[in-house]
């Protein structure tokens, strides 16, 4: 069994752990989701300061102890939001991270999730349709996890236009999805469907829907 690992990850989140430490949730397509303890990271003089921000892309050194994984060192390779961004962009991005973290089990690997997250974040920065990009990401990750049906083959009580739209989101890149124009009612219906699917998986309704 491996004792140490140095690899690139994206940080899906972190939370305080005891008085001085943090639990950091790391993800890579190669190694899956890993929960690691960053000892002493709550101190302002810690070597981890500035490197544990959610959605940072980093190179992390990990030690696999008998009970816990320890984050021994980390460097930031890219920060998506180091420069000041609009509130809506950051809010949607943090929800992407939070929901992804909650929906993925420890050690679970999701095929090509890293590029999906990074592409969604880049589109959030540039798009005027941030809620549509956010909704599209949620549909795509649910599809990758195998918890969203093929609406063309499943008997669901949805109008045909919503069936077509949901399958379009599953299959098309963000650049094509962004070109779609929806009425307010259509947008709310799609968000309602997506939020309900997420709620079944993580137990709460995302606030941005």
C-alpha atoms as a PDB file:
ATOM      1  CA  UNK A   1       0.000   0.000   0.000  1.00  0.00           C
ATOM      2  CA  UNK A   2       1.312   3.443  -0.921  1.00  0.00           C
ATOM      3  CA  UNK A   3       2.562   5.660   1.882  1.00  0.00           C
ATOM      4  CA  UNK A   4       3.099   8.929   0.022  1.00  0.00           C
ATOM      5  CA  UNK A   5       1.707  10.616  -3.076  1.00  0.00           C
ATOM      6  CA  UNK A   6       2.517  13.802  -4.964  1.00  0.00           C
ATOM      7  CA  UNK A   7      -0.102  14.762  -7.534  1.00  0.00           C
ATOM      8  CA  UNK A   8      -2.195  17.565  -8.990  1.00  0.00           C
ATOM      9  CA  UNK A   9      -5.660  18.116  -7.509  1.00  0.00           C
ATOM     10  CA  UNK A  10      -8.501  20.591  -7.490  1.00  0.00           C
ATOM     11  CA  UNK A  11      -9.700  21.645  -4.049  1.00  0.00           C
ATOM     12  CA  UNK A  12     -13.425  21.042  -3.623  1.00  0.00           C
ATOM     13  CA  UNK A  13     -13.587  22.561  -0.148  1.00  0.00           C
ATOM     14  CA  UNK A  14     -12.248  22.560   3.373  1.00  0.00           C
ATOM     15  CA  UNK A  15     -13.512  22.891   6.921  1.00  0.00           C
ATOM     16  CA  UNK A  16     -12.069  23.509  10.355  1.00  0.00           C
ATOM     17  CA  UNK A  17     -10.849  20.430  12.184  1.00  0.00           C
ATOM     18  CA  UNK A  18     -10.133  20.646  15.913  1.00  0.00           C
ATOM     19  CA  UNK A  19      -8.406  23.864  17.044  1.00  0.00           C
ATOM     20  CA  UNK A  20      -5.530  24.255  14.605  1.00  0.00           C
ATOM     21  CA  UNK A  21      -6.168  22.052  11.593  1.00  0.00           C
ATOM     22  CA  UNK A  22      -8.358  21.836   8.521  1.00  0.00           C
ATOM     23  CA  UNK A  23      -9.880  18.990   6.579  1.00  0.00           C
ATOM     24  CA  UNK A  24      -9.202  19.527   2.887  1.00  0.00           C
ATOM     25  CA  UNK A  25     -11.220  17.803   0.164  1.00  0.00           C
ATOM     26  CA  UNK A  26      -9.069  17.125  -2.890  1.00  0.00           C
ATOM     27  CA  UNK A  27     -10.075  15.635  -6.223  1.00  0.00           C
ATOM     28  CA  UNK A  28      -8.288  14.321  -9.302  1.00  0.00           C
ATOM     29  CA  UNK A  29      -9.574  12.027 -12.028  1.00  0.00           C
ATOM     30  CA  UNK A  30      -6.584   9.730 -11.475  1.00  0.00           C
ATOM     31  CA  UNK A  31      -6.801   9.418  -7.688  1.00  0.00           C
ATOM     32  CA  UNK A  32     -10.425  10.262  -6.960  1.00  0.00           C
ATOM     33  CA  UNK A  33     -11.616  12.248  -3.976  1.00  0.00           C
ATOM     34  CA  UNK A  34      -9.246  12.345  -1.009  1.00  0.00           C
ATOM     35  CA  UNK A  35      -9.917  13.836   2.409  1.00  0.00           C
ATOM     36  CA  UNK A  36      -6.687  15.062   4.005  1.00  0.00           C
ATOM     37  CA  UNK A  37      -5.759  16.827   7.243  1.00  0.00           C
ATOM     38  CA  UNK A  38      -3.654  19.982   6.940  1.00  0.00           C
ATOM     39  CA  UNK A  39      -2.075  20.215  10.371  1.00  0.00           C
ATOM     40  CA  UNK A  40      -1.626  23.713  11.781  1.00  0.00           C
ATOM     41  CA  UNK A  41      -3.240  25.280   8.730  1.00  0.00           C
ATOM     42  CA  UNK A  42      -5.521  27.584  10.734  1.00  0.00           C
ATOM     43  CA  UNK A  43      -2.524  29.603  11.897  1.00  0.00           C
ATOM     44  CA  UNK A  44      -1.871  32.770   9.854  1.00  0.00           C
ATOM     45  CA  UNK A  45       1.816  31.826   9.755  1.00  0.00           C
ATOM     46  CA  UNK A  46       1.105  28.359   8.379  1.00  0.00           C
ATOM     47  CA  UNK A  47       2.825  27.259   5.186  1.00  0.00           C
ATOM     48  CA  UNK A  48      -0.648  26.347   3.911  1.00  0.00           C
ATOM     49  CA  UNK A  49      -1.943  29.940   4.091  1.00  0.00           C
ATOM     50  CA  UNK A  50      -3.381  30.992   0.716  1.00  0.00           C
ATOM     51  CA  UNK A  51      -3.058  27.526  -0.819  1.00  0.00           C
ATOM     52  CA  UNK A  52      -6.216  25.848   0.504  1.00  0.00           C
ATOM     53  CA  UNK A  53      -8.755  28.079  -1.224  1.00  0.00           C
ATOM     54  CA  UNK A  54     -11.702  26.272  -2.760  1.00  0.00           C
ATOM     55  CA  UNK A  55     -11.247  25.527  -6.487  1.00  0.00           C
ATOM     56  CA  UNK A  56      -7.496  26.137  -6.425  1.00  0.00           C
ATOM     57  CA  UNK A  57      -5.627  23.767  -8.701  1.00  0.00           C
ATOM     58  CA  UNK A  58      -2.641  22.574  -6.719  1.00  0.00           C
ATOM     59  CA  UNK A  59       0.195  20.115  -6.387  1.00  0.00           C
ATOM     60  CA  UNK A  60      -0.214  18.315  -3.072  1.00  0.00           C
ATOM     61  CA  UNK A  61       2.069  16.023  -1.133  1.00  0.00           C
ATOM     62  CA  UNK A  62       0.149  13.443   0.884  1.00  0.00           C
ATOM     63  CA  UNK A  63       1.125  10.936   3.550  1.00  0.00           C
ATOM     64  CA  UNK A  64      -1.187   7.960   4.064  1.00  0.00           C
ATOM     65  CA  UNK A  65      -1.109   7.180   7.765  1.00  0.00           C
ATOM     66  CA  UNK A  66      -2.775   4.263   9.539  1.00  0.00           C
ATOM     67  CA  UNK A  67      -5.919   6.296  10.265  1.00  0.00           C
ATOM     68  CA  UNK A  68      -5.786   9.533   8.262  1.00  0.00           C
ATOM     69  CA  UNK A  69      -4.319  11.083   5.163  1.00  0.00           C
ATOM     70  CA  UNK A  70      -2.016  13.993   6.035  1.00  0.00           C
ATOM     71  CA  UNK A  71      -1.382  16.921   3.703  1.00  0.00           C
ATOM     72  CA  UNK A  72       2.327  17.533   4.181  1.00  0.00           C
ATOM     73  CA  UNK A  73       2.872  20.240   1.565  1.00  0.00           C
ATOM     74  CA  UNK A  74       0.994  22.082  -1.150  1.00  0.00           C
ATOM     75  CA  UNK A  75       1.652  24.645  -3.877  1.00  0.00           C
ATOM     76  CA  UNK A  76      -0.942  26.511  -5.921  1.00  0.00           C
ATOM     77  CA  UNK A  77      -0.677  25.980  -9.671  1.00  0.00           C
ATOM     78  CA  UNK A  78      -3.738  28.038 -10.586  1.00  0.00           C
ATOM     79  CA  UNK A  79      -6.328  30.058  -8.729  1.00  0.00           C
ATOM     80  CA  UNK A  80      -9.542  30.576 -10.668  1.00  0.00           C
ATOM     81  CA  UNK A  81     -10.659  33.506  -8.541  1.00  0.00           C
ATOM     82  CA  UNK A  82      -7.529  35.162  -7.188  1.00  0.00           C
ATOM     83  CA  UNK A  83      -8.447  38.243  -9.154  1.00  0.00           C
ATOM     84  CA  UNK A  84     -11.639  39.914  -8.093  1.00  0.00           C
ATOM     85  CA  UNK A  85     -14.710  38.586  -9.899  1.00  0.00           C
ATOM     86  CA  UNK A  86     -18.391  39.464  -9.766  1.00  0.00           C
ATOM     87  CA  UNK A  87     -20.425  38.115  -6.871  1.00  0.00           C
ATOM     88  CA  UNK A  88     -22.628  35.983  -9.133  1.00  0.00           C
ATOM     89  CA  UNK A  89     -19.616  34.249 -10.691  1.00  0.00           C
ATOM     90  CA  UNK A  90     -18.089  33.413  -7.323  1.00  0.00           C
ATOM     91  CA  UNK A  91     -21.419  32.276  -5.839  1.00  0.00           C
ATOM     92  CA  UNK A  92     -22.102  29.885  -8.700  1.00  0.00           C
ATOM     93  CA  UNK A  93     -18.510  28.612  -8.647  1.00  0.00           C
ATOM     94  CA  UNK A  94     -18.585  27.895  -4.918  1.00  0.00           C
ATOM     95  CA  UNK A  95     -21.883  26.037  -5.322  1.00  0.00           C
ATOM     96  CA  UNK A  96     -20.291  23.920  -8.045  1.00  0.00           C
ATOM     97  CA  UNK A  97     -17.513  23.020  -5.615  1.00  0.00           C
ATOM     98  CA  UNK A  98     -19.841  22.407  -2.657  1.00  0.00           C
ATOM     99  CA  UNK A  99     -22.293  20.205  -4.520  1.00  0.00           C
ATOM    100  CA  UNK A 100     -19.514  18.288  -6.276  1.00  0.00           C
ATOM    101  CA  UNK A 101     -17.880  17.644  -2.920  1.00  0.00           C
ATOM    102  CA  UNK A 102     -21.116  16.401  -1.364  1.00  0.00           C
ATOM    103  CA  UNK A 103     -22.162  14.256  -4.279  1.00  0.00           C
ATOM    104  CA  UNK A 104     -18.834  12.434  -4.711  1.00  0.00           C
ATOM    105  CA  UNK A 105     -17.855   9.755  -2.220  1.00  0.00           C
ATOM    106  CA  UNK A 106     -14.392   9.497  -0.710  1.00  0.00           C
ATOM    107  CA  UNK A 107     -12.044   7.632  -3.098  1.00  0.00           C
ATOM    108  CA  UNK A 108     -14.632   7.821  -5.890  1.00  0.00           C
ATOM    109  CA  UNK A 109     -13.332   8.582  -9.375  1.00  0.00           C
ATOM    110  CA  UNK A 110     -15.572  10.263 -11.944  1.00  0.00           C
ATOM    111  CA  UNK A 111     -14.415  10.036 -15.529  1.00  0.00           C
ATOM    112  CA  UNK A 112     -13.203  13.398 -16.894  1.00  0.00           C
ATOM    113  CA  UNK A 113     -14.669  15.381 -14.011  1.00  0.00           C
ATOM    114  CA  UNK A 114     -11.631  17.659 -13.721  1.00  0.00           C
ATOM    115  CA  UNK A 115     -11.945  19.070 -17.257  1.00  0.00           C
ATOM    116  CA  UNK A 116     -15.703  19.420 -16.761  1.00  0.00           C
ATOM    117  CA  UNK A 117     -15.194  21.529 -13.610  1.00  0.00           C
ATOM    118  CA  UNK A 118     -12.490  23.655 -15.211  1.00  0.00           C
ATOM    119  CA  UNK A 119     -14.518  24.240 -18.381  1.00  0.00           C
ATOM    120  CA  UNK A 120     -17.581  25.193 -16.342  1.00  0.00           C
ATOM    121  CA  UNK A 121     -15.536  27.678 -14.289  1.00  0.00           C
ATOM    122  CA  UNK A 122     -13.997  29.282 -17.366  1.00  0.00           C
ATOM    123  CA  UNK A 123     -17.444  29.648 -18.923  1.00  0.00           C
ATOM    124  CA  UNK A 124     -18.815  31.163 -15.708  1.00  0.00           C
ATOM    125  CA  UNK A 125     -16.167  33.885 -15.884  1.00  0.00           C
ATOM    126  CA  UNK A 126     -17.058  34.936 -19.414  1.00  0.00           C
ATOM    127  CA  UNK A 127     -20.741  34.101 -19.796  1.00  0.00           C
ATOM    128  CA  UNK A 128     -23.671  36.431 -19.226  1.00  0.00           C
ATOM    129  CA  UNK A 129     -25.844  33.364 -18.655  1.00  0.00           C
ATOM    130  CA  UNK A 130     -24.212  32.194 -15.437  1.00  0.00           C
ATOM    131  CA  UNK A 131     -27.259  30.403 -14.063  1.00  0.00           C
ATOM    132  CA  UNK A 132     -27.564  28.446 -17.331  1.00  0.00           C
ATOM    133  CA  UNK A 133     -23.892  27.398 -17.161  1.00  0.00           C
ATOM    134  CA  UNK A 134     -24.403  26.396 -13.519  1.00  0.00           C
ATOM    135  CA  UNK A 135     -27.515  24.352 -14.360  1.00  0.00           C
ATOM    136  CA  UNK A 136     -25.723  22.711 -17.286  1.00  0.00           C
ATOM    137  CA  UNK A 137     -22.836  21.667 -15.039  1.00  0.00           C
ATOM    138  CA  UNK A 138     -25.234  20.097 -12.556  1.00  0.00           C
ATOM    139  CA  UNK A 139     -26.980  18.109 -15.284  1.00  0.00           C
ATOM    140  CA  UNK A 140     -23.634  16.958 -16.669  1.00  0.00           C
ATOM    141  CA  UNK A 141     -22.191  15.784 -13.338  1.00  0.00           C
ATOM    142  CA  UNK A 142     -25.415  13.957 -12.473  1.00  0.00           C
ATOM    143  CA  UNK A 143     -25.220  12.281 -15.868  1.00  0.00           C
ATOM    144  CA  UNK A 144     -21.585  11.250 -15.231  1.00  0.00           C
ATOM    145  CA  UNK A 145     -22.632   9.746 -11.910  1.00  0.00           C
ATOM    146  CA  UNK A 146     -25.359   7.760 -13.634  1.00  0.00           C
ATOM    147  CA  UNK A 147     -28.209   9.202 -11.571  1.00  0.00           C
ATOM    148  CA  UNK A 148     -29.995  11.117 -14.309  1.00  0.00           C
ATOM    149  CA  UNK A 149     -32.237   9.199 -16.720  1.00  0.00           C
ATOM    150  CA  UNK A 150     -32.214   9.280 -20.483  1.00  0.00           C
ATOM    151  CA  UNK A 151     -35.398  11.273 -20.828  1.00  0.00           C
ATOM    152  CA  UNK A 152     -35.935   9.984 -24.343  1.00  0.00           C
ATOM    153  CA  UNK A 153     -36.275   6.420 -23.070  1.00  0.00           C
ATOM    154  CA  UNK A 154     -37.828   7.040 -19.660  1.00  0.00           C
ATOM    155  CA  UNK A 155     -41.503   7.696 -19.142  1.00  0.00           C
ATOM    156  CA  UNK A 156     -41.533  11.009 -17.317  1.00  0.00           C
ATOM    157  CA  UNK A 157     -44.267  13.590 -16.997  1.00  0.00           C
ATOM    158  CA  UNK A 158     -42.353  16.306 -18.850  1.00  0.00           C
ATOM    159  CA  UNK A 159     -43.243  18.243 -21.938  1.00  0.00           C
ATOM    160  CA  UNK A 160     -41.280  17.168 -24.993  1.00  0.00           C
ATOM    161  CA  UNK A 161     -39.387  20.472 -25.155  1.00  0.00           C
ATOM    162  CA  UNK A 162     -37.938  19.895 -21.675  1.00  0.00           C
ATOM    163  CA  UNK A 163     -36.964  16.331 -22.534  1.00  0.00           C
ATOM    164  CA  UNK A 164     -35.122  17.628 -25.607  1.00  0.00           C
ATOM    165  CA  UNK A 165     -33.475  20.428 -23.659  1.00  0.00           C
ATOM    166  CA  UNK A 166     -32.223  18.197 -20.843  1.00  0.00           C
ATOM    167  CA  UNK A 167     -30.763  15.697 -23.277  1.00  0.00           C
ATOM    168  CA  UNK A 168     -29.217  18.563 -25.250  1.00  0.00           C
ATOM    169  CA  UNK A 169     -27.466  19.757 -22.071  1.00  0.00           C
ATOM    170  CA  UNK A 170     -26.169  16.263 -21.341  1.00  0.00           C
ATOM    171  CA  UNK A 171     -24.619  15.912 -24.774  1.00  0.00           C
ATOM    172  CA  UNK A 172     -23.471  19.355 -25.912  1.00  0.00           C
ATOM    173  CA  UNK A 173     -20.548  21.594 -24.844  1.00  0.00           C
ATOM    174  CA  UNK A 174     -21.119  24.751 -22.799  1.00  0.00           C
ATOM    175  CA  UNK A 175     -20.406  26.931 -25.847  1.00  0.00           C
ATOM    176  CA  UNK A 176     -23.488  25.542 -27.617  1.00  0.00           C
ATOM    177  CA  UNK A 177     -25.645  25.456 -24.486  1.00  0.00           C
ATOM    178  CA  UNK A 178     -24.986  29.154 -23.925  1.00  0.00           C
ATOM    179  CA  UNK A 179     -26.636  30.004 -27.248  1.00  0.00           C
ATOM    180  CA  UNK A 180     -30.002  28.738 -26.041  1.00  0.00           C
ATOM    181  CA  UNK A 181     -32.685  31.313 -25.281  1.00  0.00           C
ATOM    182  CA  UNK A 182     -35.276  30.433 -22.651  1.00  0.00           C
ATOM    183  CA  UNK A 183     -38.373  32.180 -21.415  1.00  0.00           C
ATOM    184  CA  UNK A 184     -38.548  32.909 -17.691  1.00  0.00           C
ATOM    185  CA  UNK A 185     -41.019  30.052 -17.229  1.00  0.00           C
ATOM    186  CA  UNK A 186     -38.820  27.590 -19.158  1.00  0.00           C
ATOM    187  CA  UNK A 187     -35.750  28.616 -17.165  1.00  0.00           C
ATOM    188  CA  UNK A 188     -37.582  28.137 -13.862  1.00  0.00           C
ATOM    189  CA  UNK A 189     -38.889  24.728 -14.935  1.00  0.00           C
ATOM    190  CA  UNK A 190     -35.432  23.462 -15.915  1.00  0.00           C
ATOM    191  CA  UNK A 191     -33.972  24.751 -12.663  1.00  0.00           C
ATOM    192  CA  UNK A 192     -36.748  23.068 -10.689  1.00  0.00           C
ATOM    193  CA  UNK A 193     -36.116  19.714 -12.379  1.00  0.00           C
ATOM    194  CA  UNK A 194     -32.354  19.980 -11.835  1.00  0.00           C
ATOM    195  CA  UNK A 195     -32.651  21.079  -8.208  1.00  0.00           C
ATOM    196  CA  UNK A 196     -34.999  18.179  -7.456  1.00  0.00           C
ATOM    197  CA  UNK A 197     -32.512  15.686  -8.912  1.00  0.00           C
ATOM    198  CA  UNK A 198     -29.694  17.168  -6.811  1.00  0.00           C
ATOM    199  CA  UNK A 199     -31.822  17.224  -3.668  1.00  0.00           C
ATOM    200  CA  UNK A 200     -32.388  13.486  -4.007  1.00  0.00           C
ATOM    201  CA  UNK A 201     -28.622  12.953  -4.013  1.00  0.00           C
ATOM    202  CA  UNK A 202     -27.376  15.392  -1.349  1.00  0.00           C
ATOM    203  CA  UNK A 203     -30.432  16.057   0.788  1.00  0.00           C
ATOM    204  CA  UNK A 204     -30.906  19.773   0.248  1.00  0.00           C
ATOM    205  CA  UNK A 205     -32.038  22.184  -2.436  1.00  0.00           C
ATOM    206  CA  UNK A 206     -29.213  24.296  -3.928  1.00  0.00           C
ATOM    207  CA  UNK A 207     -29.823  27.951  -3.075  1.00  0.00           C
ATOM    208  CA  UNK A 208     -28.906  29.282  -6.517  1.00  0.00           C
ATOM    209  CA  UNK A 209     -31.834  27.577  -8.205  1.00  0.00           C
END
